[in-house]
């Protein structure tokens, strides 16, 4: 289903900024895909579908054009449809039974090979993803490690325990950053944030355009932390420090240990974007209050899904 937002022309700059920076709504790539599908006749208002919602032709057409082109398998879809039709006729089924057989067969092919799951499985799929991420963030124990909490090594003890309820899914990595910022302002009050290090540009724009503003330390150097500490000692309040570990694209790594000390001393949060290293390789949870990541980059191994 595709929806659109209609607004007065005077609000275009705000609407453009929201769509451009926050990661909310559909991406430009998906919009381009849907626009092409509409021009090619694969998308149409439900009421004008000449086949009707229950027809086999409508079902097969919709199923065979979902997803990236390399997964569409147009020729095989036609073969699959014809083979189901032939099988249905050869065993003497009624017209209604033949139609049901074709529909179920095409659905089985799509779901068996993972091209598209039924929408009824969406909630279970999200739970599975959250469990998988939480499991990947758990500390690794060796076979000879002690099993009681008191006997665990120090590096394991300090590692935060992550459950599936600690994992929140968003449609994109930028959406996770935008919503983290929005939720923090709602909970802690509107205060300036700190962008430490040179970030992916949309992160900086979110902090600058939504809320009271942003203190930007583009170099991410030790002198910048000295300045932040002086500001805090002089009574200036901050909502959170947003940083990347490592940075994109300069690959600089901030001093998270010192930032954590300042956060505990002056009561601000730390939000770390570890997309470049990703949570399988970079363990920043002991220093961060919130970890954000773009699942688009890593989760399928082929960058053909979106999430955060």
Protein backbone atom coordinates (compact mmCIF):
# COMPACT_ATOMS: atom_id res chain seq x y z
CA UNK A 1 0.00 0.00 0.00
CA UNK A 2 1.30 3.46 -0.92
CA UNK A 3 0.09 6.63 0.79
CA UNK A 4 0.78 10.31 0.20
CA UNK A 5 0.80 13.41 2.41
CA UNK A 6 -0.88 16.52 1.01
CA UNK A 7 0.07 19.90 2.50
CA UNK A 8 -0.06 23.62 1.61
CA UNK A 9 2.73 24.79 -0.70
CA UNK A 10 4.01 27.19 1.96
CA UNK A 11 5.06 24.20 4.09
CA UNK A 12 7.18 22.64 1.33
CA UNK A 13 10.58 23.55 2.86
CA UNK A 14 9.64 21.94 6.19
CA UNK A 15 8.15 18.87 4.53
CA UNK A 16 11.21 18.48 2.32
CA UNK A 17 13.57 18.69 5.31
CA UNK A 18 11.52 16.14 7.23
CA UNK A 19 11.50 13.63 4.37
CA UNK A 20 15.13 14.29 3.44
CA UNK A 21 16.74 13.94 6.87
CA UNK A 22 14.59 11.90 9.27
CA UNK A 23 14.39 8.54 7.51
CA UNK A 24 10.61 8.53 7.94
CA UNK A 25 8.37 7.58 5.03
CA UNK A 26 9.57 5.71 1.95
CA UNK A 27 13.06 6.15 0.56
CA UNK A 28 13.81 7.80 -2.77
CA UNK A 29 14.83 4.39 -4.12
CA UNK A 30 11.51 2.82 -3.16
CA UNK A 31 9.63 5.83 -4.52
CA UNK A 32 11.45 5.40 -7.83
CA UNK A 33 10.63 1.68 -7.87
CA UNK A 34 6.94 2.31 -7.15
CA UNK A 35 6.76 5.08 -9.76
CA UNK A 36 8.17 2.73 -12.40
CA UNK A 37 5.80 -0.05 -11.31
CA UNK A 38 2.88 2.35 -11.64
CA UNK A 39 3.96 3.44 -15.14
CA UNK A 40 4.43 -0.20 -16.16
CA UNK A 41 0.89 -1.03 -15.06
CA UNK A 42 1.76 -3.16 -12.04
CA UNK A 43 0.15 -0.76 -9.58
CA UNK A 44 -3.45 0.43 -9.81
CA UNK A 45 -6.18 1.66 -7.45
CA UNK A 46 -7.84 -1.34 -5.84
CA UNK A 47 -11.28 -0.37 -7.16
CA UNK A 48 -10.11 -0.29 -10.79
CA UNK A 49 -8.34 -3.64 -10.80
CA UNK A 50 -9.94 -5.24 -13.83
CA UNK A 51 -9.16 -8.72 -12.61
CA UNK A 52 -10.87 -8.36 -9.24
CA UNK A 53 -9.19 -8.92 -5.86
CA UNK A 54 -9.71 -12.68 -5.86
CA UNK A 55 -8.74 -13.53 -9.42
CA UNK A 56 -5.79 -15.78 -10.18
CA UNK A 57 -4.47 -13.37 -12.84
CA UNK A 58 -4.38 -10.49 -10.35
CA UNK A 59 -2.62 -12.66 -7.78
CA UNK A 60 0.03 -13.96 -10.15
CA UNK A 61 0.74 -10.50 -11.61
CA UNK A 62 1.23 -8.98 -8.14
CA UNK A 63 3.36 -11.83 -6.86
CA UNK A 64 5.68 -11.98 -9.85
CA UNK A 65 6.74 -8.32 -9.74
CA UNK A 66 7.60 -7.83 -6.07
CA UNK A 67 11.11 -7.04 -4.88
CA UNK A 68 14.32 -6.20 -6.75
CA UNK A 69 14.44 -7.16 -10.42
CA UNK A 70 16.97 -9.95 -9.96
CA UNK A 71 14.56 -11.73 -7.57
CA UNK A 72 11.50 -11.38 -9.77
CA UNK A 73 12.23 -14.46 -11.95
CA UNK A 74 9.70 -13.45 -14.59
CA UNK A 75 10.24 -16.45 -16.84
CA UNK A 76 10.13 -18.91 -13.95
CA UNK A 77 6.95 -17.30 -12.63
CA UNK A 78 5.23 -17.98 -15.95
CA UNK A 79 6.50 -21.54 -15.94
CA UNK A 80 5.33 -22.03 -12.35
CA UNK A 81 1.88 -20.64 -13.15
CA UNK A 82 1.51 -22.84 -16.25
CA UNK A 83 2.69 -25.93 -14.39
CA UNK A 84 0.17 -25.38 -11.59
CA UNK A 85 -2.59 -24.89 -14.16
CA UNK A 86 -1.62 -28.07 -16.00
CA UNK A 87 -1.46 -30.10 -12.78
CA UNK A 88 -4.85 -28.80 -11.67
CA UNK A 89 -6.55 -29.69 -14.95
CA UNK A 90 -4.85 -33.08 -15.26
CA UNK A 91 -6.28 -34.35 -11.97
CA UNK A 92 -9.83 -33.26 -12.77
CA UNK A 93 -10.35 -30.41 -10.30
CA UNK A 94 -13.25 -27.98 -10.54
CA UNK A 95 -12.60 -24.42 -11.78
CA UNK A 96 -12.68 -23.06 -8.21
CA UNK A 97 -10.31 -25.76 -6.99
CA UNK A 98 -8.00 -25.10 -9.93
CA UNK A 99 -7.86 -21.40 -9.03
CA UNK A 100 -7.14 -22.15 -5.37
CA UNK A 101 -4.39 -24.57 -6.38
CA UNK A 102 -2.71 -21.94 -8.56
CA UNK A 103 -2.88 -19.30 -5.82
CA UNK A 104 -1.51 -21.60 -3.14
CA UNK A 105 1.21 -22.88 -5.44
CA UNK A 106 2.45 -19.43 -6.38
CA UNK A 107 2.36 -18.33 -2.73
CA UNK A 108 4.35 -21.42 -1.73
CA UNK A 109 7.06 -20.62 -4.31
CA UNK A 110 7.36 -17.02 -3.12
CA UNK A 111 7.52 -17.90 0.57
CA UNK A 112 9.58 -21.09 0.19
CA UNK A 113 12.45 -19.19 -1.38
CA UNK A 114 12.16 -16.17 0.92
CA UNK A 115 11.26 -13.62 -1.73
CA UNK A 116 8.18 -12.41 0.15
CA UNK A 117 6.61 -13.48 3.43
CA UNK A 118 2.90 -13.29 4.10
CA UNK A 119 1.98 -10.06 5.93
CA UNK A 120 0.36 -12.11 8.71
CA UNK A 121 3.91 -13.13 9.73
CA UNK A 122 5.16 -9.53 10.14
CA UNK A 123 4.89 -9.39 13.94
CA UNK A 124 6.65 -12.75 14.34
CA UNK A 125 9.37 -11.69 11.92
CA UNK A 126 10.03 -8.55 14.00
CA UNK A 127 10.31 -10.62 17.17
CA UNK A 128 12.77 -12.94 15.44
CA UNK A 129 14.89 -9.98 14.29
CA UNK A 130 14.93 -8.44 17.78
CA UNK A 131 15.94 -11.77 19.34
CA UNK A 132 18.69 -12.20 16.77
CA UNK A 133 20.12 -8.74 17.48
CA UNK A 134 19.89 -9.22 21.26
CA UNK A 135 21.65 -12.56 20.93
CA UNK A 136 24.43 -11.03 18.85
CA UNK A 137 25.00 -8.41 21.57
CA UNK A 138 25.37 -10.96 24.37
CA UNK A 139 28.91 -11.51 25.72
CA UNK A 140 30.66 -14.62 24.47
CA UNK A 141 31.46 -17.20 27.14
CA UNK A 142 34.08 -19.89 26.68
CA UNK A 143 33.39 -23.47 27.65
CA UNK A 144 35.68 -23.22 30.68
CA UNK A 145 34.26 -19.89 31.95
CA UNK A 146 32.56 -20.01 35.38
CA UNK A 147 28.76 -20.01 35.35
CA UNK A 148 28.01 -17.98 38.48
CA UNK A 149 27.73 -14.17 38.28
CA UNK A 150 30.30 -13.58 41.03
CA UNK A 151 32.95 -15.67 39.25
CA UNK A 152 32.54 -14.10 35.80
CA UNK A 153 35.55 -12.17 34.38
CA UNK A 154 35.46 -8.38 34.83
CA UNK A 155 35.01 -7.66 31.12
CA UNK A 156 31.95 -9.94 31.04
CA UNK A 157 30.44 -8.48 34.23
CA UNK A 158 30.49 -4.94 32.90
CA UNK A 159 28.83 -5.95 29.64
CA UNK A 160 25.15 -4.88 29.70
CA UNK A 161 22.58 -7.65 29.46
CA UNK A 162 20.43 -7.13 26.37
CA UNK A 163 16.97 -8.66 25.96
CA UNK A 164 14.68 -8.51 22.94
CA UNK A 165 12.60 -5.84 24.72
CA UNK A 166 15.69 -3.60 24.66
CA UNK A 167 15.76 -3.66 20.85
CA UNK A 168 13.55 -1.22 18.91
CA UNK A 169 13.08 -1.51 15.15
CA UNK A 170 12.62 1.40 12.76
CA UNK A 171 12.22 1.63 8.98
CA UNK A 172 15.77 2.96 8.53
CA UNK A 173 18.93 3.86 10.43
CA UNK A 174 18.17 7.59 10.20
CA UNK A 175 14.68 6.97 11.56
CA UNK A 176 16.24 5.30 14.62
CA UNK A 177 18.43 8.39 15.19
CA UNK A 178 15.55 10.81 14.66
CA UNK A 179 13.23 8.93 17.02
CA UNK A 180 15.94 8.57 19.67
CA UNK A 181 16.42 12.34 19.60
CA UNK A 182 12.66 12.97 19.67
CA UNK A 183 12.04 10.55 22.57
CA UNK A 184 14.90 12.00 24.62
CA UNK A 185 13.53 15.53 24.22
CA UNK A 186 10.09 14.28 25.29
CA UNK A 187 11.52 12.56 28.39
CA UNK A 188 14.29 14.96 29.47
CA UNK A 189 13.01 18.26 28.14
CA UNK A 190 14.16 20.36 25.17
CA UNK A 191 17.91 20.96 25.47
CA UNK A 192 20.73 21.39 22.99
CA UNK A 193 22.55 18.27 21.88
CA UNK A 194 26.21 17.77 21.07
CA UNK A 195 27.39 16.31 17.77
CA UNK A 196 30.90 15.05 18.45
CA UNK A 197 33.03 14.32 15.39
CA UNK A 198 32.16 14.77 11.74
CA UNK A 199 29.02 12.64 11.22
CA UNK A 200 26.83 11.45 8.41
CA UNK A 201 25.23 14.75 7.42
CA UNK A 202 21.60 13.85 8.20
CA UNK A 203 22.46 13.25 11.86
CA UNK A 204 23.78 16.80 12.19
CA UNK A 205 20.75 18.22 10.38
CA UNK A 206 18.35 16.41 12.71
CA UNK A 207 20.08 17.83 15.78
CA UNK A 208 20.18 21.32 14.28
CA UNK A 209 16.63 21.52 12.89
CA UNK A 210 14.56 19.64 15.49
CA UNK A 211 14.88 21.04 18.99
CA UNK A 212 16.84 23.92 20.55
CA UNK A 213 19.93 23.37 18.40
CA UNK A 214 23.28 21.62 18.42
CA UNK A 215 26.83 22.21 19.63
CA UNK A 216 28.95 20.83 16.78
CA UNK A 217 32.49 19.59 17.41
CA UNK A 218 33.48 18.60 13.88
CA UNK A 219 37.06 17.59 14.70
CA UNK A 220 36.12 15.28 17.57
CA UNK A 221 39.43 16.07 19.26
CA UNK A 222 40.56 16.02 22.90
CA UNK A 223 40.44 19.85 22.90
CA UNK A 224 36.75 19.64 22.01
CA UNK A 225 36.12 17.49 25.08
CA UNK A 226 37.99 20.07 27.15
CA UNK A 227 35.64 22.76 25.81
CA UNK A 228 32.57 20.59 26.49
CA UNK A 229 33.73 20.02 30.06
CA UNK A 230 34.22 23.79 30.59
CA UNK A 231 30.75 24.51 29.24
CA UNK A 232 29.21 21.95 31.58
CA UNK A 233 31.16 23.30 34.56
CA UNK A 234 29.83 26.78 33.73
CA UNK A 235 26.27 25.44 34.03
CA UNK A 236 25.35 24.78 30.40
CA UNK A 237 23.01 21.79 30.06
CA UNK A 238 22.98 19.29 27.21
CA UNK A 239 20.51 16.61 26.23
CA UNK A 240 22.96 14.08 24.78
CA UNK A 241 26.22 13.57 22.93
CA UNK A 242 25.70 11.97 19.51
CA UNK A 243 28.78 10.39 17.93
CA UNK A 244 29.81 7.68 15.49
CA UNK A 245 32.18 4.83 16.29
CA UNK A 246 33.99 4.83 13.96
CA UNK A 247 33.02 7.95 12.04
CA UNK A 248 31.64 7.97 8.50
CA UNK A 249 33.57 8.63 6.29
CA UNK A 250 36.73 9.70 8.20
CA UNK A 251 36.84 6.61 10.47
CA UNK A 252 37.87 8.63 13.55
CA UNK A 253 36.97 7.08 16.91
CA UNK A 254 35.93 9.33 19.81
CA UNK A 255 37.23 8.83 23.34
CA UNK A 256 34.12 7.05 24.66
CA UNK A 257 35.69 6.44 28.06
CA UNK A 258 36.12 10.16 28.74
CA UNK A 259 32.71 11.01 27.24
CA UNK A 260 31.13 8.42 29.57
CA UNK A 261 32.84 10.04 32.56
CA UNK A 262 31.52 13.48 31.55
CA UNK A 263 28.03 12.09 30.96
CA UNK A 264 27.88 10.54 34.43
CA UNK A 265 29.20 13.75 35.97
CA UNK A 266 26.94 16.21 34.15
CA UNK A 267 23.86 14.07 33.49
CA UNK A 268 23.57 13.82 29.74
CA UNK A 269 23.05 10.77 27.54
CA UNK A 270 25.40 9.16 25.03
CA UNK A 271 24.07 7.96 21.66
CA UNK A 272 26.52 6.01 19.53
CA UNK A 273 26.04 5.18 15.86
CA UNK A 274 28.20 2.14 15.14
CA UNK A 275 26.91 1.42 11.62
CA UNK A 276 30.36 1.30 9.99
CA UNK A 277 31.70 -1.31 12.41
CA UNK A 278 28.22 -2.73 13.24
CA UNK A 279 27.22 -4.41 16.47
CA UNK A 280 28.83 -7.75 15.54
CA UNK A 281 32.30 -6.21 15.55
CA UNK A 282 32.17 -3.05 17.68
CA UNK A 283 31.03 -3.34 21.31
CA UNK A 284 30.16 0.14 22.56
CA UNK A 285 27.30 -0.78 24.93
CA UNK A 286 29.42 -0.46 28.11
CA UNK A 287 29.88 3.25 27.29
CA UNK A 288 26.60 4.15 25.55
CA UNK A 289 23.06 4.76 26.73
CA UNK A 290 21.64 4.14 23.27
CA UNK A 291 23.24 2.39 20.30
CA UNK A 292 21.79 3.11 16.86
CA UNK A 293 22.63 1.24 13.69
CA UNK A 294 21.57 1.01 10.06
CA UNK A 295 20.42 -2.56 9.44
CA UNK A 296 20.23 -1.63 5.75
CA UNK A 297 24.00 -1.95 5.52
CA UNK A 298 24.48 -5.36 7.10
CA UNK A 299 21.39 -7.37 7.86
CA UNK A 300 20.77 -9.29 4.62
CA UNK A 301 24.39 -9.22 3.47
CA UNK A 302 23.24 -7.74 0.17
CA UNK A 303 21.82 -4.29 1.12
CA UNK A 304 18.44 -5.23 -0.37
CA UNK A 305 16.44 -4.54 2.81
CA UNK A 306 15.96 -1.41 4.89
CA UNK A 307 15.81 -1.05 8.65
CA UNK A 308 17.32 0.51 11.75
